[in-house]
């Protein structure tokens, strides 16, 4: 069953996002257009948020050795503040690169990340 709406954005507020890769030297690269899919998960068993980012990389972001000090930042924006909740900026630490596939021009891979929750804000 499919549900169709006459609005482009049924939630209103023009919700959008920007995704930035931050390497171990604090250099930033906007990878929003390279990310094919991302998922954010909240666990009821662990005090973390986790996220995975499927990236089609033609820039060679992970061609240099990963040091464990890489981050992925996601920023949400909207002209309707009620859509954003309490945190519109999330910075996840990369803990694993997986599902790596070589393509003709670059790689396809998944960055697995985590963000510890700050319990003092709950």
PDB file of N, CA and C in Angstrom:
ATOM      1  N   UNK A   1       0.841  -1.173   0.000  1.00  0.00           N
ATOM      2  CA  UNK A   1       0.000   0.000   0.000  1.00  0.00           C
ATOM      3  C   UNK A   1       0.881   1.229   0.000  1.00  0.00           C
ATOM      4  N   UNK A   2       0.579   2.174  -0.841  1.00  0.00           N
ATOM      5  CA  UNK A   2       1.344   3.419  -0.913  1.00  0.00           C
ATOM      6  C   UNK A   2       0.485   4.576  -0.459  1.00  0.00           C
ATOM      7  N   UNK A   3       1.143   5.507   0.207  1.00  0.00           N
ATOM      8  CA  UNK A   3       0.451   6.723   0.641  1.00  0.00           C
ATOM      9  C   UNK A   3       1.073   7.890  -0.101  1.00  0.00           C
ATOM     10  N   UNK A   4       0.267   8.662  -0.752  1.00  0.00           N
ATOM     11  CA  UNK A   4       0.750   9.810  -1.498  1.00  0.00           C
ATOM     12  C   UNK A   4       0.228  11.079  -0.850  1.00  0.00           C
ATOM     13  N   UNK A   5       1.012  12.110  -0.925  1.00  0.00           N
ATOM     14  CA  UNK A   5       0.593  13.398  -0.399  1.00  0.00           C
ATOM     15  C   UNK A   5       0.806  14.454  -1.474  1.00  0.00           C
ATOM     16  N   UNK A   6       0.032  15.507  -1.417  1.00  0.00           N
ATOM     17  CA  UNK A   6       0.181  16.552  -2.415  1.00  0.00           C
ATOM     18  C   UNK A   6       1.292  17.535  -2.048  1.00  0.00           C
ATOM     19  N   UNK A   7       1.925  17.350  -0.882  1.00  0.00           N
ATOM     20  CA  UNK A   7       3.007  18.227  -0.463  1.00  0.00           C
ATOM     21  C   UNK A   7       4.349  17.557  -0.738  1.00  0.00           C
ATOM     22  N   UNK A   8       5.367  18.359  -1.082  1.00  0.00           N
ATOM     23  CA  UNK A   8       6.717  17.828  -1.242  1.00  0.00           C
ATOM     24  C   UNK A   8       7.288  17.413   0.096  1.00  0.00           C
ATOM     25  N   UNK A   9       6.969  18.158   1.142  1.00  0.00           N
ATOM     26  CA  UNK A   9       7.463  17.872   2.480  1.00  0.00           C
ATOM     27  C   UNK A   9       6.276  17.851   3.425  1.00  0.00           C
ATOM     28  N   UNK A  10       5.713  16.678   3.715  1.00  0.00           N
ATOM     29  CA  UNK A  10       4.492  16.618   4.518  1.00  0.00           C
ATOM     30  C   UNK A  10       4.698  17.062   5.959  1.00  0.00           C
ATOM     31  N   UNK A  11       5.952  17.137   6.445  1.00  0.00           N
ATOM     32  CA  UNK A  11       6.211  17.559   7.814  1.00  0.00           C
ATOM     33  C   UNK A  11       6.329  19.069   7.939  1.00  0.00           C
ATOM     34  N   UNK A  12       6.468  19.771   6.831  1.00  0.00           N
ATOM     35  CA  UNK A  12       6.619  21.222   6.857  1.00  0.00           C
ATOM     36  C   UNK A  12       7.994  21.634   7.326  1.00  0.00           C
ATOM     37  N   UNK A  13       8.347  22.880   7.112  1.00  0.00           N
ATOM     38  CA  UNK A  13       9.572  23.417   7.672  1.00  0.00           C
ATOM     39  C   UNK A  13      10.825  23.190   6.866  1.00  0.00           C
ATOM     40  N   UNK A  14      10.727  22.635   5.673  1.00  0.00           N
ATOM     41  CA  UNK A  14      11.905  22.446   4.829  1.00  0.00           C
ATOM     42  C   UNK A  14      13.072  21.832   5.583  1.00  0.00           C
ATOM     43  N   UNK A  15      12.881  20.681   6.169  1.00  0.00           N
ATOM     44  CA  UNK A  15      13.909  19.983   6.919  1.00  0.00           C
ATOM     45  C   UNK A  15      15.030  19.554   5.976  1.00  0.00           C
ATOM     46  N   UNK A  16      16.269  19.894   6.334  1.00  0.00           N
ATOM     47  CA  UNK A  16      17.421  19.505   5.527  1.00  0.00           C
ATOM     48  C   UNK A  16      18.582  19.153   6.443  1.00  0.00           C
ATOM     49  N   UNK A  17      19.656  18.616   5.868  1.00  0.00           N
ATOM     50  CA  UNK A  17      20.810  18.222   6.665  1.00  0.00           C
ATOM     51  C   UNK A  17      22.099  18.454   5.877  1.00  0.00           C
ATOM     52  N   UNK A  18      23.190  18.566   6.615  1.00  0.00           N
ATOM     53  CA  UNK A  18      24.532  18.654   6.049  1.00  0.00           C
ATOM     54  C   UNK A  18      25.396  17.641   6.797  1.00  0.00           C
ATOM     55  N   UNK A  19      26.208  16.881   6.054  1.00  0.00           N
ATOM     56  CA  UNK A  19      27.072  15.876   6.657  1.00  0.00           C
ATOM     57  C   UNK A  19      28.515  16.238   6.347  1.00  0.00           C
ATOM     58  N   UNK A  20      29.348  16.284   7.389  1.00  0.00           N
ATOM     59  CA  UNK A  20      30.745  16.680   7.255  1.00  0.00           C
ATOM     60  C   UNK A  20      31.642  15.585   7.813  1.00  0.00           C
ATOM     61  N   UNK A  21      32.679  15.238   7.061  1.00  0.00           N
ATOM     62  CA  UNK A  21      33.696  14.294   7.525  1.00  0.00           C
ATOM     63  C   UNK A  21      34.843  15.107   8.105  1.00  0.00           C
ATOM     64  N   UNK A  22      35.290  14.741   9.300  1.00  0.00           N
ATOM     65  CA  UNK A  22      36.379  15.451   9.978  1.00  0.00           C
ATOM     66  C   UNK A  22      37.511  14.446  10.176  1.00  0.00           C
ATOM     67  N   UNK A  23      38.675  14.707   9.550  1.00  0.00           N
ATOM     68  CA  UNK A  23      39.779  13.752   9.669  1.00  0.00           C
ATOM     69  C   UNK A  23      40.575  13.996  10.946  1.00  0.00           C
ATOM     70  N   UNK A  24      41.615  13.200  11.144  1.00  0.00           N
ATOM     71  CA  UNK A  24      42.389  13.263  12.395  1.00  0.00           C
ATOM     72  C   UNK A  24      43.163  14.567  12.556  1.00  0.00           C
ATOM     73  N   UNK A  25      43.336  15.333  11.467  1.00  0.00           N
ATOM     74  CA  UNK A  25      44.000  16.642  11.537  1.00  0.00           C
ATOM     75  C   UNK A  25      42.998  17.783  11.633  1.00  0.00           C
ATOM     76  N   UNK A  26      41.741  17.467  11.889  1.00  0.00           N
ATOM     77  CA  UNK A  26      40.634  18.428  12.003  1.00  0.00           C
ATOM     78  C   UNK A  26      40.291  19.123  10.688  1.00  0.00           C
ATOM     79  N   UNK A  27      40.706  18.538   9.557  1.00  0.00           N
ATOM     80  CA  UNK A  27      40.277  19.048   8.257  1.00  0.00           C
ATOM     81  C   UNK A  27      38.857  18.567   8.003  1.00  0.00           C
ATOM     82  N   UNK A  28      38.030  19.419   7.441  1.00  0.00           N
ATOM     83  CA  UNK A  28      36.634  19.057   7.206  1.00  0.00           C
ATOM     84  C   UNK A  28      36.339  18.987   5.709  1.00  0.00           C
ATOM     85  N   UNK A  29      35.477  18.036   5.359  1.00  0.00           N
ATOM     86  CA  UNK A  29      35.024  17.872   3.981  1.00  0.00           C
ATOM     87  C   UNK A  29      33.519  17.666   4.013  1.00  0.00           C
ATOM     88  N   UNK A  30      32.786  18.482   3.256  1.00  0.00           N
ATOM     89  CA  UNK A  30      31.338  18.310   3.155  1.00  0.00           C
ATOM     90  C   UNK A  30      31.070  17.087   2.281  1.00  0.00           C
ATOM     91  N   UNK A  31      30.500  16.047   2.864  1.00  0.00           N
ATOM     92  CA  UNK A  31      30.239  14.797   2.146  1.00  0.00           C
ATOM     93  C   UNK A  31      28.742  14.547   1.955  1.00  0.00           C
ATOM     94  N   UNK A  32      27.952  15.579   2.124  1.00  0.00           N
ATOM     95  CA  UNK A  32      26.494  15.424   2.030  1.00  0.00           C
ATOM     96  C   UNK A  32      26.092  14.744   0.731  1.00  0.00           C
ATOM     97  N   UNK A  33      26.674  15.158  -0.374  1.00  0.00           N
ATOM     98  CA  UNK A  33      26.294  14.585  -1.677  1.00  0.00           C
ATOM     99  C   UNK A  33      26.892  13.204  -1.925  1.00  0.00           C
ATOM    100  N   UNK A  34      27.883  12.807  -1.112  1.00  0.00           N
ATOM    101  CA  UNK A  34      28.484  11.478  -1.256  1.00  0.00           C
ATOM    102  C   UNK A  34      27.736  10.416  -0.461  1.00  0.00           C
ATOM    103  N   UNK A  35      26.945  10.842   0.531  1.00  0.00           N
ATOM    104  CA  UNK A  35      26.232   9.910   1.401  1.00  0.00           C
ATOM    105  C   UNK A  35      24.957   9.438   0.700  1.00  0.00           C
ATOM    106  N   UNK A  36      24.909   8.141   0.430  1.00  0.00           N
ATOM    107  CA  UNK A  36      23.736   7.565  -0.224  1.00  0.00           C
ATOM    108  C   UNK A  36      22.620   7.290   0.764  1.00  0.00           C
ATOM    109  N   UNK A  37      23.008   6.964   2.008  1.00  0.00           N
ATOM    110  CA  UNK A  37      22.025   6.622   3.033  1.00  0.00           C
ATOM    111  C   UNK A  37      22.673   6.788   4.395  1.00  0.00           C
ATOM    112  N   UNK A  38      21.896   7.250   5.367  1.00  0.00           N
ATOM    113  CA  UNK A  38      22.378   7.231   6.740  1.00  0.00           C
ATOM    114  C   UNK A  38      21.239   6.848   7.662  1.00  0.00           C
ATOM    115  N   UNK A  39      21.608   6.177   8.762  1.00  0.00           N
ATOM    116  CA  UNK A  39      20.646   5.724   9.758  1.00  0.00           C
ATOM    117  C   UNK A  39      21.190   6.082  11.127  1.00  0.00           C
ATOM    118  N   UNK A  40      20.328   6.583  11.988  1.00  0.00           N
ATOM    119  CA  UNK A  40      20.709   6.916  13.358  1.00  0.00           C
ATOM    120  C   UNK A  40      19.865   6.051  14.285  1.00  0.00           C
ATOM    121  N   UNK A  41      20.536   5.409  15.249  1.00  0.00           N
ATOM    122  CA  UNK A  41      19.871   4.489  16.164  1.00  0.00           C
ATOM    123  C   UNK A  41      20.091   4.935  17.607  1.00  0.00           C
ATOM    124  N   UNK A  42      19.088   4.778  18.429  1.00  0.00           N
ATOM    125  CA  UNK A  42      19.225   5.015  19.863  1.00  0.00           C
ATOM    126  C   UNK A  42      18.937   3.697  20.572  1.00  0.00           C
ATOM    127  N   UNK A  43      19.835   3.316  21.472  1.00  0.00           N
ATOM    128  CA  UNK A  43      19.703   2.052  22.165  1.00  0.00           C
ATOM    129  C   UNK A  43      19.067   2.250  23.535  1.00  0.00           C
ATOM    130  N   UNK A  44      18.203   1.329  23.933  1.00  0.00           N
ATOM    131  CA  UNK A  44      17.677   1.369  25.294  1.00  0.00           C
ATOM    132  C   UNK A  44      18.572   0.572  26.235  1.00  0.00           C
ATOM    133  N   UNK A  45      19.558  -0.145  25.669  1.00  0.00           N
ATOM    134  CA  UNK A  45      20.463  -0.956  26.481  1.00  0.00           C
ATOM    135  C   UNK A  45      21.822  -0.291  26.704  1.00  0.00           C
ATOM    136  N   UNK A  46      22.239   0.599  25.810  1.00  0.00           N
ATOM    137  CA  UNK A  46      23.520   1.296  25.918  1.00  0.00           C
ATOM    138  C   UNK A  46      23.275   2.786  25.973  1.00  0.00           C
ATOM    139  N   UNK A  47      24.208   3.511  26.540  1.00  0.00           N
ATOM    140  CA  UNK A  47      24.067   4.962  26.635  1.00  0.00           C
ATOM    141  C   UNK A  47      24.727   5.636  25.435  1.00  0.00           C
ATOM    142  N   UNK A  48      24.312   5.248  24.245  1.00  0.00           N
ATOM    143  CA  UNK A  48      24.886   5.803  23.029  1.00  0.00           C
ATOM    144  C   UNK A  48      23.826   5.983  21.954  1.00  0.00           C
ATOM    145  N   UNK A  49      24.154   6.860  21.045  1.00  0.00           N
ATOM    146  CA  UNK A  49      23.503   6.896  19.748  1.00  0.00           C
ATOM    147  C   UNK A  49      24.514   6.296  18.795  1.00  0.00           C
ATOM    148  N   UNK A  50      24.063   5.572  17.810  1.00  0.00           N
ATOM    149  CA  UNK A  50      24.970   5.078  16.785  1.00  0.00           C
ATOM    150  C   UNK A  50      24.396   5.457  15.434  1.00  0.00           C
ATOM    151  N   UNK A  51      25.278   5.511  14.461  1.00  0.00           N
ATOM    152  CA  UNK A  51      24.845   5.870  13.113  1.00  0.00           C
ATOM    153  C   UNK A  51      25.727   5.156  12.119  1.00  0.00           C
ATOM    154  N   UNK A  52      25.160   4.857  10.967  1.00  0.00           N
ATOM    155  CA  UNK A  52      25.976   4.361   9.871  1.00  0.00           C
ATOM    156  C   UNK A  52      25.694   5.209   8.646  1.00  0.00           C
ATOM    157  N   UNK A  53      26.758   5.465   7.907  1.00  0.00           N
ATOM    158  CA  UNK A  53      26.713   6.324   6.729  1.00  0.00           C
ATOM    159  C   UNK A  53      27.242   5.531   5.543  1.00  0.00           C
ATOM    160  N   UNK A  54      26.411   5.286   4.538  1.00  0.00           N
ATOM    161  CA  UNK A  54      26.831   4.598   3.321  1.00  0.00           C
ATOM    162  C   UNK A  54      27.329   5.677   2.366  1.00  0.00           C
ATOM    163  N   UNK A  55      28.603   5.557   1.978  1.00  0.00           N
ATOM    164  CA  UNK A  55      29.247   6.621   1.205  1.00  0.00           C
ATOM    165  C   UNK A  55      29.768   6.074  -0.114  1.00  0.00           C
ATOM    166  N   UNK A  56      29.482   6.786  -1.171  1.00  0.00           N
ATOM    167  CA  UNK A  56      30.104   6.518  -2.480  1.00  0.00           C
ATOM    168  C   UNK A  56      31.196   7.563  -2.632  1.00  0.00           C
ATOM    169  N   UNK A  57      32.435   7.127  -2.439  1.00  0.00           N
ATOM    170  CA  UNK A  57      33.571   8.027  -2.286  1.00  0.00           C
ATOM    171  C   UNK A  57      34.431   8.062  -3.541  1.00  0.00           C
ATOM    172  N   UNK A  58      34.439   9.209  -4.205  1.00  0.00           N
ATOM    173  CA  UNK A  58      35.344   9.421  -5.337  1.00  0.00           C
ATOM    174  C   UNK A  58      36.460  10.389  -4.953  1.00  0.00           C
ATOM    175  N   UNK A  59      36.454  10.850  -3.688  1.00  0.00           N
ATOM    176  CA  UNK A  59      37.466  11.798  -3.214  1.00  0.00           C
ATOM    177  C   UNK A  59      38.641  11.114  -2.523  1.00  0.00           C
ATOM    178  N   UNK A  60      38.503   9.854  -2.168  1.00  0.00           N
ATOM    179  CA  UNK A  60      39.568   9.141  -1.475  1.00  0.00           C
ATOM    180  C   UNK A  60      39.672   9.510  -0.005  1.00  0.00           C
ATOM    181  N   UNK A  61      38.530   9.694   0.658  1.00  0.00           N
ATOM    182  CA  UNK A  61      38.531  10.093   2.068  1.00  0.00           C
ATOM    183  C   UNK A  61      39.250   9.098   2.957  1.00  0.00           C
ATOM    184  N   UNK A  62      39.107   7.815   2.678  1.00  0.00           N
ATOM    185  CA  UNK A  62      39.711   6.813   3.563  1.00  0.00           C
ATOM    186  C   UNK A  62      40.923   6.145   2.919  1.00  0.00           C
ATOM    187  N   UNK A  63      41.475   6.742   1.861  1.00  0.00           N
ATOM    188  CA  UNK A  63      42.668   6.177   1.234  1.00  0.00           C
ATOM    189  C   UNK A  63      43.890   6.295   2.142  1.00  0.00           C
ATOM    190  N   UNK A  64      43.928   7.319   2.981  1.00  0.00           N
ATOM    191  CA  UNK A  64      44.997   7.426   3.965  1.00  0.00           C
ATOM    192  C   UNK A  64      44.613   6.581   5.171  1.00  0.00           C
ATOM    193  N   UNK A  65      45.587   6.091   5.910  1.00  0.00           N
ATOM    194  CA  UNK A  65      45.243   5.238   7.065  1.00  0.00           C
ATOM    195  C   UNK A  65      44.367   5.965   8.089  1.00  0.00           C
ATOM    196  N   UNK A  66      43.371   5.272   8.572  1.00  0.00           N
ATOM    197  CA  UNK A  66      42.491   5.813   9.602  1.00  0.00           C
ATOM    198  C   UNK A  66      43.195   5.682  10.949  1.00  0.00           C
ATOM    199  N   UNK A  67      43.117   6.718  11.786  1.00  0.00           N
ATOM    200  CA  UNK A  67      43.818   6.718  13.069  1.00  0.00           C
ATOM    201  C   UNK A  67      42.898   6.486  14.253  1.00  0.00           C
ATOM    202  N   UNK A  68      41.602   6.464  14.021  1.00  0.00           N
ATOM    203  CA  UNK A  68      40.658   6.345  15.129  1.00  0.00           C
ATOM    204  C   UNK A  68      40.244   7.690  15.684  1.00  0.00           C
ATOM    205  N   UNK A  69      40.691   8.758  15.042  1.00  0.00           N
ATOM    206  CA  UNK A  69      40.334  10.112  15.476  1.00  0.00           C
ATOM    207  C   UNK A  69      39.503  10.827  14.419  1.00  0.00           C
ATOM    208  N   UNK A  70      38.751  10.083  13.624  1.00  0.00           N
ATOM    209  CA  UNK A  70      37.906  10.667  12.594  1.00  0.00           C
ATOM    210  C   UNK A  70      36.478  10.783  13.111  1.00  0.00           C
ATOM    211  N   UNK A  71      35.790  11.798  12.636  1.00  0.00           N
ATOM    212  CA  UNK A  71      34.426  12.072  13.074  1.00  0.00           C
ATOM    213  C   UNK A  71      33.538  12.353  11.870  1.00  0.00           C
ATOM    214  N   UNK A  72      32.239  12.161  12.055  1.00  0.00           N
ATOM    215  CA  UNK A  72      31.231  12.556  11.079  1.00  0.00           C
ATOM    216  C   UNK A  72      30.233  13.439  11.819  1.00  0.00           C
ATOM    217  N   UNK A  73      30.071  14.661  11.334  1.00  0.00           N
ATOM    218  CA  UNK A  73      29.136  15.604  11.956  1.00  0.00           C
ATOM    219  C   UNK A  73      27.922  15.767  11.042  1.00  0.00           C
ATOM    220  N   UNK A  74      26.753  15.732  11.644  1.00  0.00           N
ATOM    221  CA  UNK A  74      25.525  15.961  10.882  1.00  0.00           C
ATOM    222  C   UNK A  74      24.777  17.121  11.527  1.00  0.00           C
ATOM    223  N   UNK A  75      24.374  18.052  10.692  1.00  0.00           N
ATOM    224  CA  UNK A  75      23.660  19.244  11.149  1.00  0.00           C
ATOM    225  C   UNK A  75      22.310  19.291  10.446  1.00  0.00           C
ATOM    226  N   UNK A  76      21.262  19.358  11.230  1.00  0.00           N
ATOM    227  CA  UNK A  76      19.913  19.475  10.687  1.00  0.00           C
ATOM    228  C   UNK A  76      19.483  20.929  10.741  1.00  0.00           C
ATOM    229  N   UNK A  77      18.744  21.359   9.735  1.00  0.00           N
ATOM    230  CA  UNK A  77      18.228  22.728   9.738  1.00  0.00           C
ATOM    231  C   UNK A  77      16.803  22.728   9.191  1.00  0.00           C
ATOM    232  N   UNK A  78      16.046  23.725   9.640  1.00  0.00           N
ATOM    233  CA  UNK A  78      14.656  23.844   9.229  1.00  0.00           C
ATOM    234  C   UNK A  78      14.167  25.245   9.574  1.00  0.00           C
ATOM    235  N   UNK A  79      13.175  25.702   8.859  1.00  0.00           N
ATOM    236  CA  UNK A  79      12.557  26.967   9.248  1.00  0.00           C
ATOM    237  C   UNK A  79      11.424  26.737  10.254  1.00  0.00           C
ATOM    238  N   UNK A  80      11.252  25.474  10.686  1.00  0.00           N
ATOM    239  CA  UNK A  80      10.286  25.116  11.714  1.00  0.00           C
ATOM    240  C   UNK A  80      11.059  24.468  12.861  1.00  0.00           C
ATOM    241  N   UNK A  81      11.403  25.239  13.895  1.00  0.00           N
ATOM    242  CA  UNK A  81      12.244  24.761  14.985  1.00  0.00           C
ATOM    243  C   UNK A  81      11.654  23.568  15.736  1.00  0.00           C
ATOM    244  N   UNK A  82      10.354  23.388  15.708  1.00  0.00           N
ATOM    245  CA  UNK A  82       9.754  22.263  16.434  1.00  0.00           C
ATOM    246  C   UNK A  82      10.131  20.924  15.812  1.00  0.00           C
ATOM    247  N   UNK A  83      10.596  20.910  14.567  1.00  0.00           N
ATOM    248  CA  UNK A  83      11.022  19.668  13.926  1.00  0.00           C
ATOM    249  C   UNK A  83      12.401  19.219  14.382  1.00  0.00           C
ATOM    250  N   UNK A  84      13.216  20.155  14.892  1.00  0.00           N
ATOM    251  CA  UNK A  84      14.614  19.852  15.183  1.00  0.00           C
ATOM    252  C   UNK A  84      14.838  19.193  16.530  1.00  0.00           C
ATOM    253  N   UNK A  85      13.960  19.355  17.465  1.00  0.00           N
ATOM    254  CA  UNK A  85      14.157  18.771  18.782  1.00  0.00           C
ATOM    255  C   UNK A  85      15.217  19.517  19.566  1.00  0.00           C
ATOM    256  N   UNK A  86      15.857  18.829  20.517  1.00  0.00           N
ATOM    257  CA  UNK A  86      16.805  19.499  21.402  1.00  0.00           C
ATOM    258  C   UNK A  86      18.196  19.630  20.810  1.00  0.00           C
ATOM    259  N   UNK A  87      18.562  18.778  19.864  1.00  0.00           N
ATOM    260  CA  UNK A  87      19.913  18.831  19.310  1.00  0.00           C
ATOM    261  C   UNK A  87      19.858  18.764  17.792  1.00  0.00           C
ATOM    262  N   UNK A  88      20.252  19.849  17.154  1.00  0.00           N
ATOM    263  CA  UNK A  88      20.269  19.860  15.692  1.00  0.00           C
ATOM    264  C   UNK A  88      21.657  19.561  15.148  1.00  0.00           C
ATOM    265  N   UNK A  89      22.661  19.411  16.040  1.00  0.00           N
ATOM    266  CA  UNK A  89      24.030  19.080  15.633  1.00  0.00           C
ATOM    267  C   UNK A  89      24.481  17.831  16.379  1.00  0.00           C
ATOM    268  N   UNK A  90      24.920  16.836  15.641  1.00  0.00           N
ATOM    269  CA  UNK A  90      25.416  15.596  16.239  1.00  0.00           C
ATOM    270  C   UNK A  90      26.783  15.283  15.631  1.00  0.00           C
ATOM    271  N   UNK A  91      27.760  14.954  16.472  1.00  0.00           N
ATOM    272  CA  UNK A  91      29.088  14.589  15.986  1.00  0.00           C
ATOM    273  C   UNK A  91      29.401  13.174  16.466  1.00  0.00           C
ATOM    274  N   UNK A  92      29.529  12.279  15.514  1.00  0.00           N
ATOM    275  CA  UNK A  92      29.766  10.867  15.787  1.00  0.00           C
ATOM    276  C   UNK A  92      31.232  10.525  15.538  1.00  0.00           C
ATOM    277  N   UNK A  93      31.789   9.663  16.372  1.00  0.00           N
ATOM    278  CA  UNK A  93      33.158   9.186  16.186  1.00  0.00           C
ATOM    279  C   UNK A  93      33.133   7.901  15.364  1.00  0.00           C
ATOM    280  N   UNK A  94      33.966   7.853  14.335  1.00  0.00           N
ATOM    281  CA  UNK A  94      34.040   6.671  13.479  1.00  0.00           C
ATOM    282  C   UNK A  94      34.760   5.560  14.234  1.00  0.00           C
ATOM    283  N   UNK A  95      34.151   4.376  14.312  1.00  0.00           N
ATOM    284  CA  UNK A  95      34.818   3.265  14.968  1.00  0.00           C
ATOM    285  C   UNK A  95      35.093   2.097  14.025  1.00  0.00           C
ATOM    286  N   UNK A  96      34.510   2.141  12.817  1.00  0.00           N
ATOM    287  CA  UNK A  96      34.751   1.043  11.885  1.00  0.00           C
ATOM    288  C   UNK A  96      34.356   1.449  10.475  1.00  0.00           C
ATOM    289  N   UNK A  97      35.121   0.953   9.514  1.00  0.00           N
ATOM    290  CA  UNK A  97      34.765   1.075   8.103  1.00  0.00           C
ATOM    291  C   UNK A  97      34.441  -0.325   7.630  1.00  0.00           C
ATOM    292  N   UNK A  98      33.280  -0.501   7.041  1.00  0.00           N
ATOM    293  CA  UNK A  98      32.876  -1.832   6.614  1.00  0.00           C
ATOM    294  C   UNK A  98      32.219  -1.823   5.252  1.00  0.00           C
ATOM    295  N   UNK A  99      31.933  -3.018   4.770  1.00  0.00           N
ATOM    296  CA  UNK A  99      31.220  -3.212   3.503  1.00  0.00           C
ATOM    297  C   UNK A  99      31.910  -2.497   2.346  1.00  0.00           C
ATOM    298  N   UNK A 100      33.232  -2.481   2.347  1.00  0.00           N
ATOM    299  CA  UNK A 100      33.972  -1.735   1.333  1.00  0.00           C
ATOM    300  C   UNK A 100      33.955  -2.475   0.004  1.00  0.00           C
ATOM    301  N   UNK A 101      33.565  -1.759  -1.043  1.00  0.00           N
ATOM    302  CA  UNK A 101      33.506  -2.292  -2.393  1.00  0.00           C
ATOM    303  C   UNK A 101      34.223  -1.329  -3.320  1.00  0.00           C
ATOM    304  N   UNK A 102      35.105  -1.859  -4.169  1.00  0.00           N
ATOM    305  CA  UNK A 102      35.782  -0.999  -5.135  1.00  0.00           C
ATOM    306  C   UNK A 102      34.880  -0.769  -6.326  1.00  0.00           C
ATOM    307  N   UNK A 103      34.829   0.495  -6.751  1.00  0.00           N
ATOM    308  CA  UNK A 103      34.058   0.875  -7.929  1.00  0.00           C
ATOM    309  C   UNK A 103      35.032   1.356  -8.999  1.00  0.00           C
ATOM    310  N   UNK A 104      34.521   1.605 -10.182  1.00  0.00           N
ATOM    311  CA  UNK A 104      35.366   2.093 -11.259  1.00  0.00           C
ATOM    312  C   UNK A 104      36.040   3.408 -10.865  1.00  0.00           C
ATOM    313  N   UNK A 105      35.289   4.291 -10.254  1.00  0.00           N
ATOM    314  CA  UNK A 105      35.819   5.578  -9.806  1.00  0.00           C
ATOM    315  C   UNK A 105      35.596   5.724  -8.312  1.00  0.00           C
ATOM    316  N   UNK A 106      36.442   5.110  -7.503  1.00  0.00           N
ATOM    317  CA  UNK A 106      36.328   5.271  -6.062  1.00  0.00           C
ATOM    318  C   UNK A 106      35.882   4.012  -5.347  1.00  0.00           C
ATOM    319  N   UNK A 107      35.239   4.216  -4.206  1.00  0.00           N
ATOM    320  CA  UNK A 107      34.821   3.116  -3.342  1.00  0.00           C
ATOM    321  C   UNK A 107      33.409   3.364  -2.831  1.00  0.00           C
ATOM    322  N   UNK A 108      32.768   2.289  -2.456  1.00  0.00           N
ATOM    323  CA  UNK A 108      31.500   2.328  -1.742  1.00  0.00           C
ATOM    324  C   UNK A 108      31.759   1.649  -0.409  1.00  0.00           C
ATOM    325  N   UNK A 109      31.436   2.301   0.702  1.00  0.00           N
ATOM    326  CA  UNK A 109      31.678   1.729   2.020  1.00  0.00           C
ATOM    327  C   UNK A 109      30.720   2.324   3.033  1.00  0.00           C
ATOM    328  N   UNK A 110      30.712   1.726   4.213  1.00  0.00           N
ATOM    329  CA  UNK A 110      29.877   2.199   5.307  1.00  0.00           C
ATOM    330  C   UNK A 110      30.773   2.634   6.458  1.00  0.00           C
ATOM    331  N   UNK A 111      30.549   3.842   6.959  1.00  0.00           N
ATOM    332  CA  UNK A 111      31.219   4.305   8.166  1.00  0.00           C
ATOM    333  C   UNK A 111      30.284   4.017   9.333  1.00  0.00           C
ATOM    334  N   UNK A 112      30.755   3.221  10.279  1.00  0.00           N
ATOM    335  CA  UNK A 112      29.987   2.911  11.489  1.00  0.00           C
ATOM    336  C   UNK A 112      30.485   3.837  12.587  1.00  0.00           C
ATOM    337  N   UNK A 113      29.580   4.527  13.245  1.00  0.00           N
ATOM    338  CA  UNK A 113      29.949   5.570  14.196  1.00  0.00           C
ATOM    339  C   UNK A 113      29.139   5.441  15.480  1.00  0.00           C
ATOM    340  N   UNK A 114      29.604   6.140  16.521  1.00  0.00           N
ATOM    341  CA  UNK A 114      28.880   6.156  17.795  1.00  0.00           C
ATOM    342  C   UNK A 114      29.037   7.511  18.451  1.00  0.00           C
ATOM    343  N   UNK A 115      28.062   7.871  19.265  1.00  0.00           N
ATOM    344  CA  UNK A 115      28.051   9.124  20.020  1.00  0.00           C
ATOM    345  C   UNK A 115      27.560   8.806  21.424  1.00  0.00           C
ATOM    346  N   UNK A 116      28.422   8.923  22.458  1.00  0.00           N
ATOM    347  CA  UNK A 116      27.941   8.678  23.829  1.00  0.00           C
ATOM    348  C   UNK A 116      26.890   9.710  24.213  1.00  0.00           C
ATOM    349  N   UNK A 117      25.853   9.259  24.862  1.00  0.00           N
ATOM    350  CA  UNK A 117      24.818  10.170  25.343  1.00  0.00           C
ATOM    351  C   UNK A 117      25.261  10.812  26.641  1.00  0.00           C
ATOM    352  N   UNK A 118      24.962  12.083  26.797  1.00  0.00           N
ATOM    353  CA  UNK A 118      25.275  12.798  28.033  1.00  0.00           C
ATOM    354  C   UNK A 118      24.066  12.689  28.940  1.00  0.00           C
ATOM    355  N   UNK A 119      24.170  11.888  29.985  1.00  0.00           N
ATOM    356  CA  UNK A 119      23.032  11.616  30.842  1.00  0.00           C
ATOM    357  C   UNK A 119      22.620  12.835  31.679  1.00  0.00           C
ATOM    358  N   UNK A 120      23.500  13.824  31.813  1.00  0.00           N
ATOM    359  CA  UNK A 120      23.140  15.000  32.602  1.00  0.00           C
ATOM    360  C   UNK A 120      22.091  15.848  31.888  1.00  0.00           C
ATOM    361  N   UNK A 121      21.882  15.638  30.587  1.00  0.00           N
ATOM    362  CA  UNK A 121      20.903  16.417  29.846  1.00  0.00           C
ATOM    363  C   UNK A 121      19.533  15.751  29.820  1.00  0.00           C
ATOM    364  N   UNK A 122      19.441  14.519  30.321  1.00  0.00           N
ATOM    365  CA  UNK A 122      18.161  13.793  30.265  1.00  0.00           C
ATOM    366  C   UNK A 122      17.284  14.184  31.441  1.00  0.00           C
TER     367      UNK A 122
END
